[in-house]
Structures are given as structure tokens and as C-alpha cells.
């Protein structure tokens, strides 16, 4: 994957990664812009585990589509 510069930080692996843990998906931001995007655009009711946002499986496809539509890269 090509590298991209975001706020003077080079990223090679995308803005977010998503891990499937069966009953929950964990969405990890990989840079400050991605982290701020989650903080500013996600309801306070959404649980976080450390820096990772916990997402129910029924919502993950919609979230990925939103990320793609907004130009975020998922690795």
C-alpha cells in the first residue's frame, strides 16, 4: 500500500484497522486525524476499549462504507 502523509506523520498501513472478535469488532485508529474523527463524530454512548471503538457486527459494514465514502483508508 502506498504511503500517505497526514499532519506531518507518514502512514503506510491506513487510517484504521478492524479486528473481528466474534461478538464485537474493534476499530483502531492509526493516526491522530483518525482518532480525532472518532472522538468528534461518534456518539458518547459508543464504548471504547482503550483507543479502539467497539462496534456490534450488525453495524460494521455501514461503518466501513462511511469510512470509504469519506476517504479514510482501512488496512
PDB file of N, CA and C in Angstrom:
ATOM      1  N   UNK A   1       0.844  -1.170   0.000  1.00  0.00           N
ATOM      2  CA  UNK A   1       0.000   0.000   0.000  1.00  0.00           C
ATOM      3  C   UNK A   1       0.894   1.239   0.000  1.00  0.00           C
ATOM      4  N   UNK A   2       0.514   2.235  -0.733  1.00  0.00           N
ATOM      5  CA  UNK A   2       1.304   3.457  -0.820  1.00  0.00           C
ATOM      6  C   UNK A   2       1.251   4.229   0.486  1.00  0.00           C
ATOM      7  N   UNK A   3       2.304   4.985   0.722  1.00  0.00           N
ATOM      8  CA  UNK A   3       2.326   5.810   1.927  1.00  0.00           C
ATOM      9  C   UNK A   3       1.605   7.114   1.664  1.00  0.00           C
ATOM     10  N   UNK A   4       1.156   7.725   2.723  1.00  0.00           N
ATOM     11  CA  UNK A   4       0.427   8.983   2.644  1.00  0.00           C
ATOM     12  C   UNK A   4       0.833   9.824   3.840  1.00  0.00           C
ATOM     13  N   UNK A   5       0.940  11.126   3.645  1.00  0.00           N
ATOM     14  CA  UNK A   5       1.303  11.993   4.764  1.00  0.00           C
ATOM     15  C   UNK A   5       0.051  12.617   5.344  1.00  0.00           C
ATOM     16  N   UNK A   6      -0.080  12.550   6.663  1.00  0.00           N
ATOM     17  CA  UNK A   6      -1.207  13.128   7.381  1.00  0.00           C
ATOM     18  C   UNK A   6      -0.666  13.875   8.583  1.00  0.00           C
ATOM     19  N   UNK A   7      -0.863  15.207   8.612  1.00  0.00           N
ATOM     20  CA  UNK A   7      -0.382  16.023   9.734  1.00  0.00           C
ATOM     21  C   UNK A   7       1.079  15.736  10.059  1.00  0.00           C
ATOM     22  N   UNK A   8       1.929  15.760   9.037  1.00  0.00           N
ATOM     23  CA  UNK A   8       3.368  15.546   9.193  1.00  0.00           C
ATOM     24  C   UNK A   8       3.727  14.160   9.711  1.00  0.00           C
ATOM     25  N   UNK A   9       2.820  13.208   9.621  1.00  0.00           N
ATOM     26  CA  UNK A   9       3.090  11.841  10.058  1.00  0.00           C
ATOM     27  C   UNK A   9       2.858  10.914   8.865  1.00  0.00           C
ATOM     28  N   UNK A  10       3.838  10.088   8.556  1.00  0.00           N
ATOM     29  CA  UNK A  10       3.707   9.154   7.447  1.00  0.00           C
ATOM     30  C   UNK A  10       3.014   7.897   7.927  1.00  0.00           C
ATOM     31  N   UNK A  11       2.025   7.461   7.166  1.00  0.00           N
ATOM     32  CA  UNK A  11       1.336   6.213   7.477  1.00  0.00           C
ATOM     33  C   UNK A  11       1.467   5.276   6.291  1.00  0.00           C
ATOM     34  N   UNK A  12       1.664   4.023   6.549  1.00  0.00           N
ATOM     35  CA  UNK A  12       1.780   3.039   5.488  1.00  0.00           C
ATOM     36  C   UNK A  12       0.623   2.055   5.491  1.00  0.00           C
ATOM     37  N   UNK A  13      -0.010   1.887   6.619  1.00  0.00           N
ATOM     38  CA  UNK A  13      -0.991   0.821   6.754  1.00  0.00           C
ATOM     39  C   UNK A  13      -2.435   1.295   6.775  1.00  0.00           C
ATOM     40  N   UNK A  14      -2.691   2.525   6.500  1.00  0.00           N
ATOM     41  CA  UNK A  14      -4.055   3.018   6.510  1.00  0.00           C
ATOM     42  C   UNK A  14      -4.352   3.834   7.752  1.00  0.00           C
ATOM     43  N   UNK A  15      -5.575   4.350   7.790  1.00  0.00           N
ATOM     44  CA  UNK A  15      -6.012   5.181   8.900  1.00  0.00           C
ATOM     45  C   UNK A  15      -6.611   4.357  10.037  1.00  0.00           C
ATOM     46  N   UNK A  16      -7.234   3.249   9.680  1.00  0.00           N
ATOM     47  CA  UNK A  16      -7.890   2.389  10.665  1.00  0.00           C
ATOM     48  C   UNK A  16      -7.588   0.927  10.366  1.00  0.00           C
ATOM     49  N   UNK A  17      -7.615   0.120  11.419  1.00  0.00           N
ATOM     50  CA  UNK A  17      -7.657  -1.330  11.242  1.00  0.00           C
ATOM     51  C   UNK A  17      -8.862  -1.834  12.017  1.00  0.00           C
ATOM     52  N   UNK A  18      -9.391  -2.967  11.563  1.00  0.00           N
ATOM     53  CA  UNK A  18     -10.586  -3.540  12.173  1.00  0.00           C
ATOM     54  C   UNK A  18     -10.299  -4.993  12.508  1.00  0.00           C
ATOM     55  N   UNK A  19     -10.572  -5.354  13.757  1.00  0.00           N
ATOM     56  CA  UNK A  19     -10.383  -6.730  14.215  1.00  0.00           C
ATOM     57  C   UNK A  19     -11.736  -7.337  14.562  1.00  0.00           C
ATOM     58  N   UNK A  20     -11.976  -8.535  14.065  1.00  0.00           N
ATOM     59  CA  UNK A  20     -13.209  -9.272  14.333  1.00  0.00           C
ATOM     60  C   UNK A  20     -12.990 -10.179  15.543  1.00  0.00           C
ATOM     61  N   UNK A  21     -13.746  -9.922  16.608  1.00  0.00           N
ATOM     62  CA  UNK A  21     -13.651 -10.744  17.807  1.00  0.00           C
ATOM     63  C   UNK A  21     -14.958 -11.488  18.068  1.00  0.00           C
ATOM     64  N   UNK A  22     -15.669 -11.788  16.989  1.00  0.00           N
ATOM     65  CA  UNK A  22     -16.909 -12.557  17.105  1.00  0.00           C
ATOM     66  C   UNK A  22     -18.103 -11.704  17.467  1.00  0.00           C
ATOM     67  N   UNK A  23     -18.289 -11.436  18.735  1.00  0.00           N
ATOM     68  CA  UNK A  23     -19.457 -10.656  19.175  1.00  0.00           C
ATOM     69  C   UNK A  23     -19.223  -9.153  19.097  1.00  0.00           C
ATOM     70  N   UNK A  24     -17.989  -8.748  18.782  1.00  0.00           N
ATOM     71  CA  UNK A  24     -17.666  -7.330  18.672  1.00  0.00           C
ATOM     72  C   UNK A  24     -16.502  -7.145  17.702  1.00  0.00           C
ATOM     73  N   UNK A  25     -16.549  -6.047  16.971  1.00  0.00           N
ATOM     74  CA  UNK A  25     -15.424  -5.632  16.144  1.00  0.00           C
ATOM     75  C   UNK A  25     -14.735  -4.483  16.854  1.00  0.00           C
ATOM     76  N   UNK A  26     -13.419  -4.458  16.815  1.00  0.00           N
ATOM     77  CA  UNK A  26     -12.662  -3.346  17.379  1.00  0.00           C
ATOM     78  C   UNK A  26     -12.058  -2.546  16.239  1.00  0.00           C
ATOM     79  N   UNK A  27     -12.307  -1.241  16.252  1.00  0.00           N
ATOM     80  CA  UNK A  27     -11.819  -0.328  15.216  1.00  0.00           C
ATOM     81  C   UNK A  27     -10.721   0.522  15.841  1.00  0.00           C
ATOM     82  N   UNK A  28      -9.494   0.335  15.341  1.00  0.00           N
ATOM     83  CA  UNK A  28      -8.324   1.032  15.875  1.00  0.00           C
ATOM     84  C   UNK A  28      -7.906   2.170  14.957  1.00  0.00           C
ATOM     85  N   UNK A  29      -7.823   3.406  15.461  1.00  0.00           N
ATOM     86  CA  UNK A  29      -7.260   4.492  14.660  1.00  0.00           C
ATOM     87  C   UNK A  29      -5.738   4.380  14.634  1.00  0.00           C
ATOM     88  N   UNK A  30      -5.129   4.711  13.484  1.00  0.00           N
ATOM     89  CA  UNK A  30      -3.674   4.597  13.348  1.00  0.00           C
ATOM     90  C   UNK A  30      -2.960   5.937  13.281  1.00  0.00           C
ATOM     91  N   UNK A  31      -3.688   7.025  13.402  1.00  0.00           N
ATOM     92  CA  UNK A  31      -3.054   8.346  13.423  1.00  0.00           C
ATOM     93  C   UNK A  31      -3.980   9.322  14.143  1.00  0.00           C
ATOM     94  N   UNK A  32      -3.467  10.497  14.434  1.00  0.00           N
ATOM     95  CA  UNK A  32      -4.238  11.484  15.202  1.00  0.00           C
ATOM     96  C   UNK A  32      -5.492  11.943  14.467  1.00  0.00           C
ATOM     97  N   UNK A  33      -5.418  12.098  13.145  1.00  0.00           N
ATOM     98  CA  UNK A  33      -6.608  12.512  12.390  1.00  0.00           C
ATOM     99  C   UNK A  33      -7.724  11.484  12.525  1.00  0.00           C
ATOM    100  N   UNK A  34      -7.368  10.220  12.414  1.00  0.00           N
ATOM    101  CA  UNK A  34      -8.363   9.157  12.535  1.00  0.00           C
ATOM    102  C   UNK A  34      -8.947   9.121  13.945  1.00  0.00           C
ATOM    103  N   UNK A  35      -8.088   9.280  14.941  1.00  0.00           N
ATOM    104  CA  UNK A  35      -8.546   9.288  16.332  1.00  0.00           C
ATOM    105  C   UNK A  35      -9.491  10.459  16.582  1.00  0.00           C
ATOM    106  N   UNK A  36      -9.124  11.637  16.098  1.00  0.00           N
ATOM    107  CA  UNK A  36      -9.985  12.812  16.260  1.00  0.00           C
ATOM    108  C   UNK A  36     -11.308  12.629  15.532  1.00  0.00           C
ATOM    109  N   UNK A  37     -11.283  11.967  14.376  1.00  0.00           N
ATOM    110  CA  UNK A  37     -12.513  11.693  13.642  1.00  0.00           C
ATOM    111  C   UNK A  37     -13.473  10.870  14.501  1.00  0.00           C
ATOM    112  N   UNK A  38     -12.966   9.856  15.171  1.00  0.00           N
ATOM    113  CA  UNK A  38     -13.822   9.048  16.040  1.00  0.00           C
ATOM    114  C   UNK A  38     -14.356   9.875  17.201  1.00  0.00           C
ATOM    115  N   UNK A  39     -13.493  10.623  17.840  1.00  0.00           N
ATOM    116  CA  UNK A  39     -13.894  11.425  19.006  1.00  0.00           C
ATOM    117  C   UNK A  39     -14.963  12.441  18.630  1.00  0.00           C
ATOM    118  N   UNK A  40     -14.792  13.093  17.479  1.00  0.00           N
ATOM    119  CA  UNK A  40     -15.701  14.171  17.077  1.00  0.00           C
ATOM    120  C   UNK A  40     -16.988  13.701  16.421  1.00  0.00           C
ATOM    121  N   UNK A  41     -17.006  12.475  15.887  1.00  0.00           N
ATOM    122  CA  UNK A  41     -18.157  12.048  15.084  1.00  0.00           C
ATOM    123  C   UNK A  41     -18.897  10.826  15.605  1.00  0.00           C
ATOM    124  N   UNK A  42     -18.503  10.328  16.759  1.00  0.00           N
ATOM    125  CA  UNK A  42     -19.138   9.142  17.320  1.00  0.00           C
ATOM    126  C   UNK A  42     -19.853   9.530  18.606  1.00  0.00           C
ATOM    127  N   UNK A  43     -21.013   8.965  18.791  1.00  0.00           N
ATOM    128  CA  UNK A  43     -21.810   9.238  19.991  1.00  0.00           C
ATOM    129  C   UNK A  43     -21.036   8.889  21.261  1.00  0.00           C
ATOM    130  N   UNK A  44     -21.298   9.636  22.312  1.00  0.00           N
ATOM    131  CA  UNK A  44     -20.685   9.350  23.608  1.00  0.00           C
ATOM    132  C   UNK A  44     -21.132   8.001  24.174  1.00  0.00           C
ATOM    133  N   UNK A  45     -22.194   7.434  23.618  1.00  0.00           N
ATOM    134  CA  UNK A  45     -22.713   6.154  24.084  1.00  0.00           C
ATOM    135  C   UNK A  45     -21.944   4.961  23.505  1.00  0.00           C
ATOM    136  N   UNK A  46     -21.128   5.198  22.475  1.00  0.00           N
ATOM    137  CA  UNK A  46     -20.358   4.118  21.852  1.00  0.00           C
ATOM    138  C   UNK A  46     -19.196   3.765  22.769  1.00  0.00           C
ATOM    139  N   UNK A  47     -19.046   2.483  23.101  1.00  0.00           N
ATOM    140  CA  UNK A  47     -17.964   2.091  24.006  1.00  0.00           C
ATOM    141  C   UNK A  47     -16.598   2.054  23.315  1.00  0.00           C
ATOM    142  N   UNK A  48     -15.590   2.424  24.058  1.00  0.00           N
ATOM    143  CA  UNK A  48     -14.205   2.331  23.610  1.00  0.00           C
ATOM    144  C   UNK A  48     -13.454   1.414  24.563  1.00  0.00           C
ATOM    145  N   UNK A  49     -12.545   0.638  24.016  1.00  0.00           N
ATOM    146  CA  UNK A  49     -11.637  -0.196  24.795  1.00  0.00           C
ATOM    147  C   UNK A  49     -10.246   0.334  24.514  1.00  0.00           C
ATOM    148  N   UNK A  50      -9.750   1.173  25.398  1.00  0.00           N
ATOM    149  CA  UNK A  50      -8.513   1.888  25.101  1.00  0.00           C
ATOM    150  C   UNK A  50      -8.790   2.863  23.971  1.00  0.00           C
ATOM    151  N   UNK A  51      -7.980   2.829  22.922  1.00  0.00           N
ATOM    152  CA  UNK A  51      -8.199   3.690  21.755  1.00  0.00           C
ATOM    153  C   UNK A  51      -9.146   3.069  20.737  1.00  0.00           C
ATOM    154  N   UNK A  52      -9.516   1.805  20.916  1.00  0.00           N
ATOM    155  CA  UNK A  52     -10.350   1.101  19.945  1.00  0.00           C
ATOM    156  C   UNK A  52     -11.828   1.323  20.217  1.00  0.00           C
ATOM    157  N   UNK A  53     -12.567   1.584  19.152  1.00  0.00           N
ATOM    158  CA  UNK A  53     -14.012   1.705  19.246  1.00  0.00           C
ATOM    159  C   UNK A  53     -14.617   0.311  19.089  1.00  0.00           C
ATOM    160  N   UNK A  54     -15.517  -0.062  19.989  1.00  0.00           N
ATOM    161  CA  UNK A  54     -16.203  -1.345  19.918  1.00  0.00           C
ATOM    162  C   UNK A  54     -17.477  -1.188  19.079  1.00  0.00           C
ATOM    163  N   UNK A  55     -17.619  -2.069  18.090  1.00  0.00           N
ATOM    164  CA  UNK A  55     -18.746  -1.977  17.160  1.00  0.00           C
ATOM    165  C   UNK A  55     -19.429  -3.333  17.071  1.00  0.00           C
ATOM    166  N   UNK A  56     -20.753  -3.333  17.176  1.00  0.00           N
ATOM    167  CA  UNK A  56     -21.511  -4.573  17.002  1.00  0.00           C
ATOM    168  C   UNK A  56     -21.397  -5.029  15.554  1.00  0.00           C
ATOM    169  N   UNK A  57     -21.375  -6.346  15.332  1.00  0.00           N
ATOM    170  CA  UNK A  57     -21.229  -6.864  13.966  1.00  0.00           C
ATOM    171  C   UNK A  57     -22.268  -6.331  12.985  1.00  0.00           C
ATOM    172  N   UNK A  58     -23.487  -6.082  13.432  1.00  0.00           N
ATOM    173  CA  UNK A  58     -24.536  -5.608  12.511  1.00  0.00           C
ATOM    174  C   UNK A  58     -24.262  -4.203  11.972  1.00  0.00           C
ATOM    175  N   UNK A  59     -23.354  -3.447  12.605  1.00  0.00           N
ATOM    176  CA  UNK A  59     -23.060  -2.080  12.177  1.00  0.00           C
ATOM    177  C   UNK A  59     -21.751  -1.935  11.404  1.00  0.00           C
ATOM    178  N   UNK A  60     -20.922  -2.968  11.373  1.00  0.00           N
ATOM    179  CA  UNK A  60     -19.572  -2.803  10.832  1.00  0.00           C
ATOM    180  C   UNK A  60     -19.577  -2.512   9.327  1.00  0.00           C
ATOM    181  N   UNK A  61     -20.456  -3.142   8.565  1.00  0.00           N
ATOM    182  CA  UNK A  61     -20.487  -2.898   7.109  1.00  0.00           C
ATOM    183  C   UNK A  61     -20.827  -1.441   6.805  1.00  0.00           C
ATOM    184  N   UNK A  62     -21.788  -0.882   7.542  1.00  0.00           N
ATOM    185  CA  UNK A  62     -22.147   0.525   7.346  1.00  0.00           C
ATOM    186  C   UNK A  62     -20.994   1.446   7.721  1.00  0.00           C
ATOM    187  N   UNK A  63     -20.293   1.121   8.800  1.00  0.00           N
ATOM    188  CA  UNK A  63     -19.160   1.935   9.227  1.00  0.00           C
ATOM    189  C   UNK A  63     -18.050   1.915   8.178  1.00  0.00           C
ATOM    190  N   UNK A  64     -17.752   0.742   7.642  1.00  0.00           N
ATOM    191  CA  UNK A  64     -16.727   0.639   6.600  1.00  0.00           C
ATOM    192  C   UNK A  64     -17.127   1.460   5.382  1.00  0.00           C
ATOM    193  N   UNK A  65     -18.387   1.419   5.014  1.00  0.00           N
ATOM    194  CA  UNK A  65     -18.859   2.210   3.871  1.00  0.00           C
ATOM    195  C   UNK A  65     -18.697   3.710   4.146  1.00  0.00           C
ATOM    196  N   UNK A  66     -19.014   4.146   5.347  1.00  0.00           N
ATOM    197  CA  UNK A  66     -18.842   5.557   5.709  1.00  0.00           C
ATOM    198  C   UNK A  66     -17.371   5.944   5.634  1.00  0.00           C
ATOM    199  N   UNK A  67     -16.490   5.125   6.209  1.00  0.00           N
ATOM    200  CA  UNK A  67     -15.052   5.405   6.133  1.00  0.00           C
ATOM    201  C   UNK A  67     -14.602   5.524   4.684  1.00  0.00           C
ATOM    202  N   UNK A  68     -15.017   4.577   3.841  1.00  0.00           N
ATOM    203  CA  UNK A  68     -14.623   4.612   2.426  1.00  0.00           C
ATOM    204  C   UNK A  68     -15.150   5.854   1.730  1.00  0.00           C
ATOM    205  N   UNK A  69     -16.402   6.205   1.989  1.00  0.00           N
ATOM    206  CA  UNK A  69     -17.009   7.387   1.353  1.00  0.00           C
ATOM    207  C   UNK A  69     -16.312   8.671   1.773  1.00  0.00           C
ATOM    208  N   UNK A  70     -15.767   8.707   2.991  1.00  0.00           N
ATOM    209  CA  UNK A  70     -15.098   9.900   3.495  1.00  0.00           C
ATOM    210  C   UNK A  70     -13.596   9.908   3.179  1.00  0.00           C
ATOM    211  N   UNK A  71     -13.115   8.855   2.504  1.00  0.00           N
ATOM    212  CA  UNK A  71     -11.716   8.826   2.093  1.00  0.00           C
ATOM    213  C   UNK A  71     -10.749   8.251   3.111  1.00  0.00           C
ATOM    214  N   UNK A  72     -11.244   7.655   4.190  1.00  0.00           N
ATOM    215  CA  UNK A  72     -10.374   7.021   5.177  1.00  0.00           C
ATOM    216  C   UNK A  72      -9.890   5.701   4.626  1.00  0.00           C
ATOM    217  N   UNK A  73      -8.677   5.320   4.950  1.00  0.00           N
ATOM    218  CA  UNK A  73      -8.113   4.056   4.470  1.00  0.00           C
ATOM    219  C   UNK A  73      -8.142   3.023   5.577  1.00  0.00           C
ATOM    220  N   UNK A  74      -8.606   1.830   5.246  1.00  0.00           N
ATOM    221  CA  UNK A  74      -8.685   0.730   6.203  1.00  0.00           C
ATOM    222  C   UNK A  74      -7.685  -0.325   5.788  1.00  0.00           C
ATOM    223  N   UNK A  75      -6.900  -0.785   6.753  1.00  0.00           N
ATOM    224  CA  UNK A  75      -5.929  -1.844   6.438  1.00  0.00           C
ATOM    225  C   UNK A  75      -6.366  -3.150   7.042  1.00  0.00           C
TER     226      UNK A  75
END
